[in-house]
Protein backbone atom coordinates (compact mmCIF):
# COMPACT_ATOMS: atom_id res chain seq x y z
CA UNK A 1 74.66 -6.48 -45.45
CA UNK A 2 76.11 -3.32 -45.93
CA UNK A 3 74.65 -1.81 -42.60
CA UNK A 4 75.30 -4.84 -40.17
CA UNK A 5 79.21 -4.85 -41.62
CA UNK A 6 79.06 -0.73 -40.40
CA UNK A 7 77.32 -1.36 -37.21
CA UNK A 8 80.01 -3.87 -36.55
CA UNK A 9 82.91 -1.41 -37.58
CA UNK A 10 80.93 1.21 -35.06
CA UNK A 11 80.91 -1.31 -32.21
CA UNK A 12 84.41 -2.27 -32.64
CA UNK A 13 85.32 1.94 -32.94
CA UNK A 14 83.58 2.19 -29.65
CA UNK A 15 85.69 -0.16 -28.06
CA UNK A 16 89.05 1.46 -29.24
CA UNK A 17 87.46 4.82 -28.15
CA UNK A 18 87.53 3.59 -24.66
CA UNK A 19 91.26 2.66 -24.52
CA UNK A 20 93.15 5.28 -23.09
CA UNK A 21 97.07 5.50 -23.31
CA UNK A 22 99.43 7.33 -21.58
CA UNK A 23 100.94 10.28 -23.06
CA UNK A 24 104.62 11.62 -22.08
CA UNK A 25 103.09 15.42 -22.27
CA UNK A 26 102.22 17.08 -18.79
CA UNK A 27 99.74 19.84 -18.21
CA UNK A 28 100.99 23.63 -18.11
CA UNK A 29 100.44 25.20 -14.69
CA UNK A 30 101.58 28.21 -12.50
CA UNK A 31 104.94 28.22 -11.28
CA UNK A 32 104.59 26.15 -7.91
CA UNK A 33 101.60 24.30 -8.71
CA UNK A 34 102.17 20.49 -9.31
CA UNK A 35 101.65 19.00 -12.97
CA UNK A 36 99.07 16.29 -13.78
CA UNK A 37 100.17 13.73 -16.16
CA UNK A 38 97.73 13.59 -19.35
CA UNK A 39 96.26 10.25 -20.49
CA UNK A 40 95.10 10.26 -24.22
CA UNK A 41 92.09 8.72 -25.56
CA UNK A 42 92.21 7.98 -28.99
CA UNK A 43 89.53 7.58 -30.97
CA UNK A 44 89.57 6.34 -34.67
CA UNK A 45 86.10 7.39 -36.12
CA UNK A 46 84.67 5.52 -39.23
CA UNK A 47 84.12 8.14 -41.98
CA UNK A 48 81.74 7.57 -44.73
CA UNK A 49 83.84 7.57 -48.37
CA UNK A 50 81.81 10.75 -49.54
CA UNK A 51 78.94 13.30 -48.47
CA UNK A 52 76.71 11.09 -50.37
CA UNK A 53 77.08 8.83 -47.67
CA UNK A 54 77.62 10.97 -44.96
CA UNK A 55 74.14 12.17 -45.59
CA UNK A 56 72.74 8.53 -45.88
CA UNK A 57 74.38 7.46 -42.45
CA UNK A 58 72.89 10.61 -40.53
CA UNK A 59 69.66 10.55 -38.79
CA UNK A 60 69.55 14.86 -38.97
CA UNK A 61 71.44 16.95 -41.18
CA UNK A 62 71.18 20.48 -39.32
CA UNK A 63 72.29 24.04 -39.94
CA UNK A 64 72.89 24.87 -36.24
CA UNK A 65 74.57 27.98 -34.08
CA UNK A 66 76.72 26.16 -30.94
CA UNK A 67 74.99 27.67 -28.02
CA UNK A 68 76.90 26.01 -25.11
CA UNK A 69 79.83 23.25 -24.90
CA UNK A 70 80.67 21.26 -21.67
CA UNK A 71 83.15 18.25 -21.34
CA UNK A 72 81.63 15.27 -19.42
CA UNK A 73 82.69 11.61 -19.07
CA UNK A 74 80.26 8.74 -20.10
CA UNK A 75 80.36 4.79 -19.74
CA UNK A 76 83.26 3.56 -18.75
CA UNK A 77 84.15 3.37 -15.12
CA UNK A 78 84.47 6.55 -12.69
CA UNK A 79 88.18 6.76 -12.92
CA UNK A 80 88.25 6.11 -16.89
CA UNK A 81 85.27 7.66 -18.71
CA UNK A 82 84.76 8.40 -22.21
CA UNK A 83 85.46 11.85 -22.83
CA UNK A 84 83.02 13.58 -24.75
CA UNK A 85 82.01 17.57 -25.34
CA UNK A 86 78.46 18.08 -25.31
CA UNK A 87 77.03 21.01 -27.39
CA UNK A 88 73.80 22.67 -27.42
CA UNK A 89 72.75 24.10 -31.09
CA UNK A 90 69.82 26.54 -31.90
CA UNK A 91 68.61 25.14 -35.31
CA UNK A 92 68.90 27.51 -38.12
CA UNK A 93 67.98 25.05 -40.81
CA UNK A 94 66.57 21.44 -40.60
CA UNK A 95 67.91 19.49 -44.32
CA UNK A 96 67.11 16.20 -42.97
CA UNK A 97 65.30 14.85 -39.83
CA UNK A 98 62.73 16.82 -37.87
CA UNK A 99 64.65 17.73 -34.37
CA UNK A 100 63.38 20.25 -32.01
CA UNK A 101 64.43 23.89 -32.14
CA UNK A 102 67.59 23.16 -30.04
CA UNK A 103 69.22 20.44 -29.87
CA UNK A 104 72.34 18.52 -27.76
CA UNK A 105 75.03 16.42 -29.37
CA UNK A 106 78.41 15.23 -28.65
CA UNK A 107 81.99 14.44 -30.18
CA UNK A 108 84.91 13.03 -28.83
CA UNK A 109 87.05 16.00 -27.72
CA UNK A 110 87.91 18.02 -24.43
CA UNK A 111 89.90 17.64 -21.27
CA UNK A 112 88.22 16.16 -18.11
CA UNK A 113 90.42 16.66 -14.93
CA UNK A 114 90.71 14.22 -12.03
CA UNK A 115 93.04 14.62 -8.76
CA UNK A 116 95.95 12.97 -10.44
CA UNK A 117 96.03 13.15 -14.28
CA UNK A 118 93.79 14.91 -17.37
CA UNK A 119 91.83 12.27 -19.45
CA UNK A 120 92.02 14.07 -23.19
CA UNK A 121 90.11 12.98 -26.04
CA UNK A 122 91.98 13.79 -28.92
CA UNK A 123 89.43 15.54 -31.31
CA UNK A 124 89.06 19.34 -32.40
CA UNK A 125 85.95 21.00 -30.41
CA UNK A 126 83.69 23.39 -32.37
CA UNK A 127 83.52 26.67 -31.18
CA UNK A 128 81.02 28.52 -29.59
CA UNK A 129 78.97 30.92 -31.13
CA UNK A 130 79.87 29.31 -34.76
CA UNK A 131 78.06 28.25 -37.25
CA UNK A 132 78.02 24.61 -38.93
CA UNK A 133 76.26 22.29 -40.73
CA UNK A 134 76.12 18.98 -38.79
CA UNK A 135 75.84 15.62 -39.68
CA UNK A 136 74.15 13.63 -36.58
CA UNK A 137 73.64 10.16 -35.88
CA UNK A 138 71.19 9.00 -33.05
CA UNK A 139 73.27 7.42 -30.33
CA UNK A 140 71.68 6.89 -26.44
CA UNK A 141 74.86 5.86 -25.29
CA UNK A 142 76.42 9.41 -25.94
CA UNK A 143 73.47 11.70 -25.02
CA UNK A 144 70.85 11.34 -27.63
CA UNK A 145 73.15 12.23 -31.03
CA UNK A 146 76.86 12.16 -31.81
CA UNK A 147 78.68 13.53 -35.09
CA UNK A 148 78.96 10.82 -38.05
CA UNK A 149 82.55 10.54 -37.94
CA UNK A 150 83.52 12.47 -35.40
CA UNK A 151 84.70 15.99 -36.03
CA UNK A 152 84.09 15.09 -40.29
CA UNK A 153 80.54 15.51 -39.69
CA UNK A 154 80.89 19.04 -39.06
CA UNK A 155 81.35 21.78 -41.51
CA UNK A 156 81.73 25.26 -40.11
CA UNK A 157 80.33 27.93 -42.17
CA UNK A 158 83.02 30.90 -42.50
CA UNK A 159 82.11 34.33 -44.50
CA UNK A 160 79.87 32.37 -46.88
CA UNK A 161 82.39 29.40 -47.37
CA UNK A 162 82.70 25.93 -46.04
CA UNK A 163 85.54 25.05 -43.61
CA UNK A 164 85.48 21.01 -42.82
CA UNK A 165 86.52 20.14 -39.50
CA UNK A 166 87.75 16.72 -40.32
CA UNK A 167 90.18 15.37 -42.54
CA UNK A 168 90.28 13.09 -45.75
CA UNK A 169 88.52 13.01 -49.06
CA UNK A 170 85.13 14.59 -48.02
CA UNK A 171 86.88 17.56 -46.52
CA UNK A 172 89.27 18.29 -49.34
CA UNK A 173 86.20 17.88 -51.70
CA UNK A 174 83.81 20.61 -49.77
CA UNK A 175 86.89 23.07 -48.61
CA UNK A 176 86.17 26.71 -49.53
CA UNK A 177 82.85 25.27 -51.61
CA UNK A 178 80.75 28.63 -51.42
CA UNK A 179 77.86 27.98 -49.04
CA UNK A 180 75.17 28.26 -51.64
CA UNK A 181 77.01 25.37 -53.54
CA UNK A 182 77.25 23.08 -50.46
CA UNK A 183 73.40 23.76 -49.92
CA UNK A 184 72.88 22.70 -53.40
CA UNK A 185 74.83 19.26 -53.10
CA UNK A 186 72.89 18.79 -50.31
CA UNK A 187 69.36 19.46 -52.04
CA UNK A 188 70.69 16.85 -54.90
CA UNK A 189 71.68 13.96 -52.35
CA UNK A 190 68.15 14.86 -50.63
CA UNK A 191 66.58 14.31 -53.68
CA UNK A 192 68.22 10.99 -54.82
CA UNK A 193 67.74 9.68 -51.31
CA UNK A 194 63.93 10.41 -51.87
CA UNK A 195 63.60 8.51 -55.06
CA UNK A 196 65.44 5.22 -53.80
CA UNK A 197 63.04 5.29 -50.69
């Protein structure tokens, strides 16, 4: 029943994600160049309550280095697609799932330019060249894989410390943990999940 409720909430979130609202901001441009209005797409991601739920909702948990990123429009109509940033990541370590050595996944983030406006997704994109532990859910509509809870499903590894890209309870619990402590917690969660199966 919980899974059905989650799917329903996710479907509602996806519908809300497709709704765009005009923002008062205009893009910055060089003198003499016309400015375009910015239309923002707000996405209200469903964020799991804790790291164990994040792990169970993910089809794959991977340690990746981001090799490249590109912004594309998917779904919707040509004038108002859903803006997604697509990443290519080199898999360093598999913590759940069995993906290939490189994966493509998406997140709600980025700007898509049109002749008269810029369509902007409100997420903060991941950085090319950086290393992240990502929680991915399979999703055919958005290119095969997407972050669980959008940026909440990405944890940047910086100098051996964990820097959550999201917000809320999970982010605060994991912020500045050592990489080893974070990995140990994922191992404990993995063992508990295996016992339940």
